[in-house]
Structure formats: C-alpha cells, structure tokens
C-alpha cells in the first residue's frame, strides 16, 4: 500500500487496470446496443462505417467517462474496485477537469504514443500519475470521493 504525504492511499495499478477493463466491457455493451439500435453502422472491417457512426461511438465514450467522473469522481469500473479520481488533496474533480482529462485520454489514444506513455508512467511514477492525470492535475486514490482511504501515520514516510 503506497500513501501520499497527506496519508491518502494511491489507487493500486492492478485495480486501475481492472477498472479500465470493466469500463471497456460496459462501453462495449453500450456500443453493441448502439449498433443493434441502428445508431451506428459497422463496415466489413468491424470499424464504424462512416464519420457519423464514429462520432456516435466517441460521444458515447465521452458522455460515459466525463459524466461519471464529473458526477461521482469515478467511472463504474473505478467504483466497483473502490478507487476514484481526485485532486491531490483528495477532493472530487470538477466537470471542467473531467472534460480536460478525457480530452487528453482521447488524443493520447488516437496518437497511441500517449497511451504508451501513460502506461509507463502508471508503473514508474511514484504517485502513479498518467499523462492525463498530470495534465488535469488529478490522481487516482483508493476509497471514494468524500471518503478516501487513509494510511496509518507510519506509512506516510514511504513517499519521502
């Protein structure tokens, strides 16, 4: 268990990866619903058939991520694994920060190198801050917004 100087416990890497997987599965189900509902057309290569279909899927992902992070400071995947997105003091993120965080994720994933940098940072940065966390000024902590998990006082020395 790794703690910040303020005693807040950082969200473990495996829980972050698990939360990503849960959110990916939820978004996949929502995307399949959009396909079967006729909102999205898929081409022969299993990719969106046109720009409108791609925009619908990107909008769905944005609503999901921005909406949940702005509302609960966590996506359903993060909530299921008891981690959340916060400012370094543990306070929940504002909607503008949720938007910025998502835009950096989106651009990083489109360029791909941003996703690689984020994964490397998650494993190497002492506060486990990814590229989108650094740009938005956030971090992923254990617990829930308003009820963060705190380390025992002697574990706080770990980061110093």
Protein backbone atom coordinates (compact mmCIF):
# COMPACT_ATOMS: atom_id res chain seq x y z
CA UNK A 1 0.00 0.00 0.00
CA UNK A 2 1.50 3.26 -1.12
CA UNK A 3 0.43 6.52 0.50
CA UNK A 4 0.83 10.17 -0.37
CA UNK A 5 2.37 12.70 2.02
CA UNK A 6 -1.15 13.59 3.17
CA UNK A 7 -1.85 9.95 4.04
CA UNK A 8 -4.21 9.23 1.17
CA UNK A 9 -3.72 5.80 -0.38
CA UNK A 10 -2.91 5.68 -4.08
CA UNK A 11 -5.10 3.54 -6.31
CA UNK A 12 -3.15 0.32 -6.98
CA UNK A 13 -2.09 -0.25 -10.59
CA UNK A 14 -3.90 -3.60 -10.83
CA UNK A 15 -7.15 -2.01 -9.63
CA UNK A 16 -6.75 0.77 -12.20
CA UNK A 17 -6.23 -1.78 -14.96
CA UNK A 18 -9.21 -3.79 -13.69
CA UNK A 19 -11.39 -0.69 -13.65
CA UNK A 20 -10.34 0.06 -17.23
CA UNK A 21 -11.34 -3.46 -18.24
CA UNK A 22 -14.75 -3.17 -16.54
CA UNK A 23 -15.39 0.20 -18.20
CA UNK A 24 -14.26 -1.20 -21.56
CA UNK A 25 -16.75 -4.07 -21.22
CA UNK A 26 -19.59 -1.71 -20.24
CA UNK A 27 -18.80 0.61 -23.16
CA UNK A 28 -18.63 -2.41 -25.50
CA UNK A 29 -22.14 -3.44 -24.44
CA UNK A 30 -23.36 0.13 -24.92
CA UNK A 31 -21.69 0.21 -28.35
CA UNK A 32 -23.33 -3.07 -29.33
CA UNK A 33 -26.64 -1.57 -28.24
CA UNK A 34 -26.00 1.44 -30.46
CA UNK A 35 -25.22 -0.90 -33.36
CA UNK A 36 -28.28 -3.07 -32.88
CA UNK A 37 -30.41 0.04 -32.36
CA UNK A 38 -29.30 1.41 -35.72
CA UNK A 39 -27.43 4.41 -34.31
CA UNK A 40 -24.10 3.08 -35.53
CA UNK A 41 -23.27 1.34 -38.80
CA UNK A 42 -20.33 -1.05 -38.92
CA UNK A 43 -18.32 -1.79 -42.06
CA UNK A 44 -16.84 -5.10 -43.19
CA UNK A 45 -13.70 -4.46 -41.11
CA UNK A 46 -15.76 -4.17 -37.86
CA UNK A 47 -14.97 -0.45 -37.66
CA UNK A 48 -17.54 2.35 -37.85
CA UNK A 49 -18.78 2.60 -41.43
CA UNK A 50 -18.79 6.40 -41.57
CA UNK A 51 -17.84 9.55 -39.68
CA UNK A 52 -21.30 9.83 -38.10
CA UNK A 53 -21.02 6.33 -36.64
CA UNK A 54 -17.53 7.07 -35.31
CA UNK A 55 -18.80 10.32 -33.78
CA UNK A 56 -21.68 8.50 -32.06
CA UNK A 57 -19.28 5.97 -30.51
CA UNK A 58 -16.83 8.69 -29.45
CA UNK A 59 -19.70 10.73 -28.00
CA UNK A 60 -20.95 7.71 -26.08
CA UNK A 61 -17.48 7.18 -24.60
CA UNK A 62 -17.17 10.87 -23.74
CA UNK A 63 -20.58 11.01 -22.05
CA UNK A 64 -19.76 7.89 -20.05
CA UNK A 65 -16.30 8.99 -18.89
CA UNK A 66 -16.87 12.72 -18.44
CA UNK A 67 -20.33 12.24 -16.98
CA UNK A 68 -19.33 9.73 -14.33
CA UNK A 69 -16.04 11.40 -13.40
CA UNK A 70 -17.75 14.80 -13.10
CA UNK A 71 -20.67 13.32 -11.12
CA UNK A 72 -19.06 10.66 -8.91
CA UNK A 73 -15.31 11.22 -9.47
CA UNK A 74 -15.23 7.63 -10.71
CA UNK A 75 -16.47 5.54 -13.58
CA UNK A 76 -18.49 2.41 -12.75
CA UNK A 77 -15.31 0.35 -13.11
CA UNK A 78 -13.49 2.51 -10.59
CA UNK A 79 -16.48 2.48 -8.23
CA UNK A 80 -16.64 -1.33 -8.41
CA UNK A 81 -12.99 -1.54 -7.37
CA UNK A 82 -13.15 1.22 -4.74
CA UNK A 83 -10.88 3.77 -6.42
CA UNK A 84 -11.64 7.29 -7.62
CA UNK A 85 -10.22 10.29 -9.46
CA UNK A 86 -9.36 13.29 -7.30
CA UNK A 87 -7.15 16.28 -6.89
CA UNK A 88 -4.00 15.60 -4.82
CA UNK A 89 -5.79 16.72 -1.64
CA UNK A 90 -8.45 14.03 -2.18
CA UNK A 91 -11.26 16.35 -3.22
CA UNK A 92 -13.55 15.29 -6.10
CA UNK A 93 -12.85 16.67 -9.56
CA UNK A 94 -14.84 19.46 -11.18
CA UNK A 95 -16.62 18.98 -14.52
CA UNK A 96 -14.05 21.08 -16.40
CA UNK A 97 -11.27 18.84 -15.09
CA UNK A 98 -13.22 15.73 -16.13
CA UNK A 99 -13.51 17.17 -19.66
CA UNK A 100 -9.80 18.02 -19.84
CA UNK A 101 -8.83 14.59 -18.53
CA UNK A 102 -10.99 12.85 -21.14
CA UNK A 103 -9.67 15.00 -23.99
CA UNK A 104 -6.09 14.09 -23.09
CA UNK A 105 -7.04 10.39 -22.94
CA UNK A 106 -8.78 10.67 -26.31
CA UNK A 107 -5.91 12.44 -28.06
CA UNK A 108 -3.35 10.13 -26.43
CA UNK A 109 -5.23 7.04 -27.59
CA UNK A 110 -5.67 8.40 -31.14
CA UNK A 111 -1.95 9.14 -31.37
CA UNK A 112 -1.26 5.86 -29.48
CA UNK A 113 2.05 7.06 -28.07
CA UNK A 114 0.08 8.93 -25.38
CA UNK A 115 -1.44 5.64 -24.24
CA UNK A 116 2.00 4.02 -24.11
CA UNK A 117 3.43 6.96 -22.14
CA UNK A 118 0.50 6.78 -19.70
CA UNK A 119 1.02 3.07 -19.04
CA UNK A 120 4.75 3.59 -18.48
CA UNK A 121 4.06 6.49 -16.12
CA UNK A 122 1.49 4.48 -14.17
CA UNK A 123 4.17 1.89 -13.40
CA UNK A 124 7.15 4.24 -12.91
CA UNK A 125 5.81 7.48 -11.39
CA UNK A 126 5.97 7.50 -7.59
CA UNK A 127 2.41 8.88 -7.44
CA UNK A 128 1.23 6.65 -10.35
CA UNK A 129 0.10 9.69 -12.33
CA UNK A 130 -0.55 9.03 -16.01
CA UNK A 131 -0.29 11.62 -18.76
CA UNK A 132 -3.96 12.62 -18.40
CA UNK A 133 -3.58 12.83 -14.60
CA UNK A 134 -0.60 15.14 -14.95
CA UNK A 135 -2.27 17.46 -17.47
CA UNK A 136 -5.53 17.62 -15.49
CA UNK A 137 -3.84 17.85 -12.07
CA UNK A 138 -5.52 14.69 -10.79
CA UNK A 139 -4.56 11.33 -9.36
CA UNK A 140 -6.33 8.04 -8.68
CA UNK A 141 -6.83 7.26 -4.99
CA UNK A 142 -8.25 4.36 -3.01
CA UNK A 143 -11.69 4.76 -1.46
CA UNK A 144 -14.47 7.02 -2.62
CA UNK A 145 -14.77 10.76 -3.15
CA UNK A 146 -15.59 12.23 0.23
CA UNK A 147 -14.45 9.03 1.98
CA UNK A 148 -10.86 8.38 0.92
CA UNK A 149 -8.85 5.57 2.44
CA UNK A 150 -6.01 6.79 4.63
CA UNK A 151 -2.80 5.07 5.61
CA UNK A 152 -1.50 4.66 9.12
CA UNK A 153 0.82 7.58 10.02
CA UNK A 154 3.97 5.44 9.81
CA UNK A 155 3.28 4.53 6.15
CA UNK A 156 3.29 8.18 5.09
CA UNK A 157 7.09 8.21 5.17
CA UNK A 158 7.13 5.87 2.15
CA UNK A 159 6.89 8.74 -0.38
CA UNK A 160 9.55 10.93 1.15
